Amino acid sequence: MNAPTKRFTPAAAIAFFALACAPAQAAGDAPPVAETVTFVVSTGFWEEPAEETGSEARRGYYKLIAVRQPDGTAEVHLQQIEATAEGPKIASSTALEEFSAIKPYVTDIRPENSSGITTQPGFFATVYLKTDPKASEPESWTVLIDDLGEIKVERATN
């Protein structure tokens, strides 16, 4: 004798879908990324030689982050992320004053290339922003870190 086939009713299917899509975080836990983060670019790399004989060199990558402020403008933060055996760790983090001074409305951040592969140490990204939210076209600014770790932030010249 054949066993009867059970079918999901539309209500059961919706309930199952809602449970499957429910956030994995427990009530009261902070989300993994703040809702004020609007753009993040991870690219480039850095290395520091070992300080002591026998210790390993420190190395990692860079992150450029736009964080929306209550007035709608953005702070732009640059982070050095160290690759450790335990996982990524923030080695340094700073707000870039060149952007803070102009109170930008950041509309996009793009890396130099989207392949994620760079052969030289450093970082390059373009930040698209408006200083007037009603402006029709954004300005382009570049953030460059050379192989010596020097940071340069300037309006892009085309």
C-alpha atoms as a PDB file:
ATOM      1  CA  MET A   1       0.000   0.000   0.000  1.00  0.00           C
ATOM      2  CA  ASN A   2       1.325   3.400  -0.906  1.00  0.00           C
ATOM      3  CA  ALA A   3       1.810   5.916   1.879  1.00  0.00           C
ATOM      4  CA  PRO A   4      -0.109   9.153   1.352  1.00  0.00           C
ATOM      5  CA  THR A   5       1.982  12.029   0.040  1.00  0.00           C
ATOM      6  CA  LYS A   6       2.098  15.057   2.307  1.00  0.00           C
ATOM      7  CA  ARG A   7       2.076  18.462   0.670  1.00  0.00           C
ATOM      8  CA  PHE A   8       2.887  21.832   2.077  1.00  0.00           C
ATOM      9  CA  THR A   9      -0.019  24.198   2.175  1.00  0.00           C
ATOM     10  CA  PRO A  10       0.727  27.735   1.019  1.00  0.00           C
ATOM     11  CA  ALA A  11       0.611  28.914   4.655  1.00  0.00           C
ATOM     12  CA  ALA A  12       3.100  26.226   5.712  1.00  0.00           C
ATOM     13  CA  ALA A  13       5.415  27.093   2.811  1.00  0.00           C
ATOM     14  CA  ILE A  14       5.352  30.782   3.783  1.00  0.00           C
ATOM     15  CA  ALA A  15       6.057  29.949   7.434  1.00  0.00           C
ATOM     16  CA  PHE A  16       8.957  27.675   6.442  1.00  0.00           C
ATOM     17  CA  PHE A  17      10.388  30.389   4.156  1.00  0.00           C
ATOM     18  CA  ALA A  18      10.090  33.021   6.892  1.00  0.00           C
ATOM     19  CA  LEU A  19      11.935  30.803   9.379  1.00  0.00           C
ATOM     20  CA  ALA A  20      14.637  29.941   6.843  1.00  0.00           C
ATOM     21  CA  CYS A  21      15.227  33.620   6.093  1.00  0.00           C
ATOM     22  CA  ALA A  22      15.133  34.773   9.732  1.00  0.00           C
ATOM     23  CA  PRO A  23      18.283  36.519  10.936  1.00  0.00           C
ATOM     24  CA  ALA A  24      20.797  34.174  12.536  1.00  0.00           C
ATOM     25  CA  GLN A  25      21.561  36.604  15.342  1.00  0.00           C
ATOM     26  CA  ALA A  26      19.837  36.269  18.684  1.00  0.00           C
ATOM     27  CA  ALA A  27      17.533  38.986  19.957  1.00  0.00           C
ATOM     28  CA  GLY A  28      19.562  41.784  21.492  1.00  0.00           C
ATOM     29  CA  ASP A  29      22.795  40.916  19.648  1.00  0.00           C
ATOM     30  CA  ALA A  30      24.387  43.718  17.676  1.00  0.00           C
ATOM     31  CA  PRO A  31      24.317  43.209  13.897  1.00  0.00           C
ATOM     32  CA  PRO A  32      27.672  42.255  12.352  1.00  0.00           C
ATOM     33  CA  VAL A  33      27.755  45.484  10.313  1.00  0.00           C
ATOM     34  CA  ALA A  34      26.245  48.760  11.500  1.00  0.00           C
ATOM     35  CA  GLU A  35      23.370  50.138   9.444  1.00  0.00           C
ATOM     36  CA  THR A  36      25.290  53.408   9.083  1.00  0.00           C
ATOM     37  CA  VAL A  37      28.028  51.751   6.976  1.00  0.00           C
ATOM     38  CA  THR A  38      27.208  52.647   3.372  1.00  0.00           C
ATOM     39  CA  PHE A  39      30.321  51.528   1.446  1.00  0.00           C
ATOM     40  CA  VAL A  40      33.299  49.256   2.144  1.00  0.00           C
ATOM     41  CA  VAL A  41      36.227  48.471  -0.129  1.00  0.00           C
ATOM     42  CA  SER A  42      38.907  45.934   0.822  1.00  0.00           C
ATOM     43  CA  THR A  43      41.947  45.893  -1.435  1.00  0.00           C
ATOM     44  CA  GLY A  44      45.698  46.237  -1.595  1.00  0.00           C
ATOM     45  CA  PHE A  45      48.137  44.862   0.930  1.00  0.00           C
ATOM     46  CA  TRP A  46      50.835  45.873   3.397  1.00  0.00           C
ATOM     47  CA  GLU A  47      53.775  44.140   5.045  1.00  0.00           C
ATOM     48  CA  GLU A  48      56.012  45.039   7.967  1.00  0.00           C
ATOM     49  CA  PRO A  49      59.279  43.183   8.496  1.00  0.00           C
ATOM     50  CA  ALA A  50      59.739  41.109  11.629  1.00  0.00           C
ATOM     51  CA  GLU A  51      60.867  43.204  14.588  1.00  0.00           C
ATOM     52  CA  GLU A  52      62.783  40.408  16.258  1.00  0.00           C
ATOM     53  CA  THR A  53      64.734  37.553  14.800  1.00  0.00           C
ATOM     54  CA  GLY A  54      62.566  34.480  14.730  1.00  0.00           C
ATOM     55  CA  SER A  55      59.263  36.380  14.641  1.00  0.00           C
ATOM     56  CA  GLU A  56      57.151  36.514  11.518  1.00  0.00           C
ATOM     57  CA  ALA A  57      56.527  39.622   9.438  1.00  0.00           C
ATOM     58  CA  ARG A  58      53.161  41.306   9.923  1.00  0.00           C
ATOM     59  CA  ARG A  59      50.979  41.597   6.835  1.00  0.00           C
ATOM     60  CA  GLY A  60      47.450  42.341   5.831  1.00  0.00           C
ATOM     61  CA  TYR A  61      45.190  44.452   3.652  1.00  0.00           C
ATOM     62  CA  TYR A  62      43.373  47.797   3.694  1.00  0.00           C
ATOM     63  CA  LYS A  63      39.701  48.719   4.076  1.00  0.00           C
ATOM     64  CA  LEU A  64      38.128  52.053   3.175  1.00  0.00           C
ATOM     65  CA  ILE A  65      34.742  52.577   4.816  1.00  0.00           C
ATOM     66  CA  ALA A  66      32.079  55.292   4.452  1.00  0.00           C
ATOM     67  CA  VAL A  67      29.947  55.734   7.577  1.00  0.00           C
ATOM     68  CA  ARG A  68      26.790  57.830   7.346  1.00  0.00           C
ATOM     69  CA  GLN A  69      26.450  60.535   9.990  1.00  0.00           C
ATOM     70  CA  PRO A  70      23.133  61.812  11.461  1.00  0.00           C
ATOM     71  CA  ASP A  71      23.203  64.850   9.117  1.00  0.00           C
ATOM     72  CA  GLY A  72      23.483  62.592   6.023  1.00  0.00           C
ATOM     73  CA  THR A  73      27.145  63.327   5.348  1.00  0.00           C
ATOM     74  CA  ALA A  74      29.797  60.645   5.711  1.00  0.00           C
ATOM     75  CA  GLU A  75      32.982  60.007   7.614  1.00  0.00           C
ATOM     76  CA  VAL A  76      35.526  58.049   5.621  1.00  0.00           C
ATOM     77  CA  HIS A  77      37.676  55.644   7.637  1.00  0.00           C
ATOM     78  CA  LEU A  78      40.856  53.884   6.567  1.00  0.00           C
ATOM     79  CA  GLN A  79      41.773  50.637   8.301  1.00  0.00           C
ATOM     80  CA  GLN A  80      44.766  48.341   8.166  1.00  0.00           C
ATOM     81  CA  ILE A  81      43.592  44.786   8.724  1.00  0.00           C
ATOM     82  CA  GLU A  82      46.239  42.335   9.920  1.00  0.00           C
ATOM     83  CA  ALA A  83      46.007  38.720   8.777  1.00  0.00           C
ATOM     84  CA  THR A  84      46.638  36.619  11.895  1.00  0.00           C
ATOM     85  CA  ALA A  85      46.387  32.904  12.613  1.00  0.00           C
ATOM     86  CA  GLU A  86      43.209  33.647  14.601  1.00  0.00           C
ATOM     87  CA  GLY A  87      41.673  35.623  11.732  1.00  0.00           C
ATOM     88  CA  PRO A  88      41.571  39.268  10.627  1.00  0.00           C
ATOM     89  CA  LYS A  89      42.395  41.891  13.273  1.00  0.00           C
ATOM     90  CA  ILE A  90      42.260  45.694  13.015  1.00  0.00           C
ATOM     91  CA  ALA A  91      45.867  46.916  13.175  1.00  0.00           C
ATOM     92  CA  SER A  92      44.954  50.620  12.800  1.00  0.00           C
ATOM     93  CA  SER A  93      41.888  52.707  12.065  1.00  0.00           C
ATOM     94  CA  THR A  94      41.551  56.412  11.383  1.00  0.00           C
ATOM     95  CA  ALA A  95      39.015  58.871   9.998  1.00  0.00           C
ATOM     96  CA  LEU A  96      40.489  60.676   6.981  1.00  0.00           C
ATOM     97  CA  GLU A  97      40.442  64.364   7.896  1.00  0.00           C
ATOM     98  CA  GLU A  98      40.521  65.472   4.247  1.00  0.00           C
ATOM     99  CA  PHE A  99      36.986  64.120   3.901  1.00  0.00           C
ATOM    100  CA  SER A 100      35.804  65.207   7.356  1.00  0.00           C
ATOM    101  CA  ALA A 101      36.756  68.799   6.494  1.00  0.00           C
ATOM    102  CA  ILE A 102      34.436  68.935   3.467  1.00  0.00           C
ATOM    103  CA  LYS A 103      31.489  66.978   5.000  1.00  0.00           C
ATOM    104  CA  PRO A 104      30.828  64.868   1.902  1.00  0.00           C
ATOM    105  CA  TYR A 105      27.825  62.889   0.793  1.00  0.00           C
ATOM    106  CA  VAL A 106      29.590  59.719  -0.413  1.00  0.00           C
ATOM    107  CA  THR A 107      27.860  58.127  -3.404  1.00  0.00           C
ATOM    108  CA  ASP A 108      30.322  55.285  -4.147  1.00  0.00           C
ATOM    109  CA  ILE A 109      33.784  53.891  -3.427  1.00  0.00           C
ATOM    110  CA  ARG A 110      35.618  51.837  -6.049  1.00  0.00           C
ATOM    111  CA  PRO A 111      38.930  49.960  -5.906  1.00  0.00           C
ATOM    112  CA  GLU A 112      41.603  50.395  -8.572  1.00  0.00           C
ATOM    113  CA  ASN A 113      40.591  47.048 -10.036  1.00  0.00           C
ATOM    114  CA  SER A 114      37.943  44.549  -9.099  1.00  0.00           C
ATOM    115  CA  SER A 115      40.094  41.431  -9.508  1.00  0.00           C
ATOM    116  CA  GLY A 116      41.348  41.703  -5.934  1.00  0.00           C
ATOM    117  CA  ILE A 117      44.880  40.975  -7.128  1.00  0.00           C
ATOM    118  CA  THR A 118      47.636  43.513  -6.634  1.00  0.00           C
ATOM    119  CA  THR A 119      51.295  42.800  -7.175  1.00  0.00           C
ATOM    120  CA  GLN A 120      52.727  45.819  -5.360  1.00  0.00           C
ATOM    121  CA  PRO A 121      52.132  46.792  -1.737  1.00  0.00           C
ATOM    122  CA  GLY A 122      49.819  49.747  -1.244  1.00  0.00           C
ATOM    123  CA  PHE A 123      46.247  50.816  -1.824  1.00  0.00           C
ATOM    124  CA  PHE A 124      44.309  52.818  -4.394  1.00  0.00           C
ATOM    125  CA  ALA A 125      40.596  53.628  -4.410  1.00  0.00           C
ATOM    126  CA  THR A 126      38.334  56.325  -5.808  1.00  0.00           C
ATOM    127  CA  VAL A 127      35.700  57.946  -3.602  1.00  0.00           C
ATOM    128  CA  TYR A 128      32.764  59.550  -5.410  1.00  0.00           C
ATOM    129  CA  LEU A 129      31.117  62.288  -3.384  1.00  0.00           C
ATOM    130  CA  LYS A 130      29.028  65.423  -3.429  1.00  0.00           C
ATOM    131  CA  THR A 131      29.540  68.403  -1.167  1.00  0.00           C
ATOM    132  CA  ASP A 132      26.050  69.602  -2.127  1.00  0.00           C
ATOM    133  CA  PRO A 133      23.456  66.806  -2.106  1.00  0.00           C
ATOM    134  CA  LYS A 134      21.576  68.540  -4.946  1.00  0.00           C
ATOM    135  CA  ALA A 135      24.600  68.550  -7.278  1.00  0.00           C
ATOM    136  CA  SER A 136      23.953  66.523 -10.426  1.00  0.00           C
ATOM    137  CA  GLU A 137      27.409  64.948 -10.743  1.00  0.00           C
ATOM    138  CA  PRO A 138      29.721  63.665  -8.004  1.00  0.00           C
ATOM    139  CA  GLU A 139      33.354  64.685  -7.581  1.00  0.00           C
ATOM    140  CA  SER A 140      36.071  62.024  -7.704  1.00  0.00           C
ATOM    141  CA  TRP A 141      38.689  61.826  -4.969  1.00  0.00           C
ATOM    142  CA  THR A 142      41.522  59.326  -4.748  1.00  0.00           C
ATOM    143  CA  VAL A 143      43.002  57.638  -1.715  1.00  0.00           C
ATOM    144  CA  LEU A 144      46.489  56.323  -2.375  1.00  0.00           C
ATOM    145  CA  ILE A 145      48.884  54.511  -0.074  1.00  0.00           C
ATOM    146  CA  ASP A 146      52.297  53.918  -1.587  1.00  0.00           C
ATOM    147  CA  ASP A 147      54.636  51.009  -0.920  1.00  0.00           C
ATOM    148  CA  LEU A 148      56.198  52.956   1.987  1.00  0.00           C
ATOM    149  CA  GLY A 149      52.831  53.473   3.687  1.00  0.00           C
ATOM    150  CA  GLU A 150      52.474  57.184   2.859  1.00  0.00           C
ATOM    151  CA  ILE A 151      48.799  58.194   2.543  1.00  0.00           C
ATOM    152  CA  LYS A 152      47.689  60.742  -0.049  1.00  0.00           C
ATOM    153  CA  VAL A 153      44.083  61.961  -0.367  1.00  0.00           C
ATOM    154  CA  GLU A 154      43.305  64.370  -3.193  1.00  0.00           C
ATOM    155  CA  ARG A 155      40.731  65.393  -5.713  1.00  0.00           C
ATOM    156  CA  ALA A 156      41.123  63.282  -8.849  1.00  0.00           C
ATOM    157  CA  THR A 157      42.486  64.911 -11.958  1.00  0.00           C
ATOM    158  CA  ASN A 158      41.184  63.516 -15.205  1.00  0.00           C
END
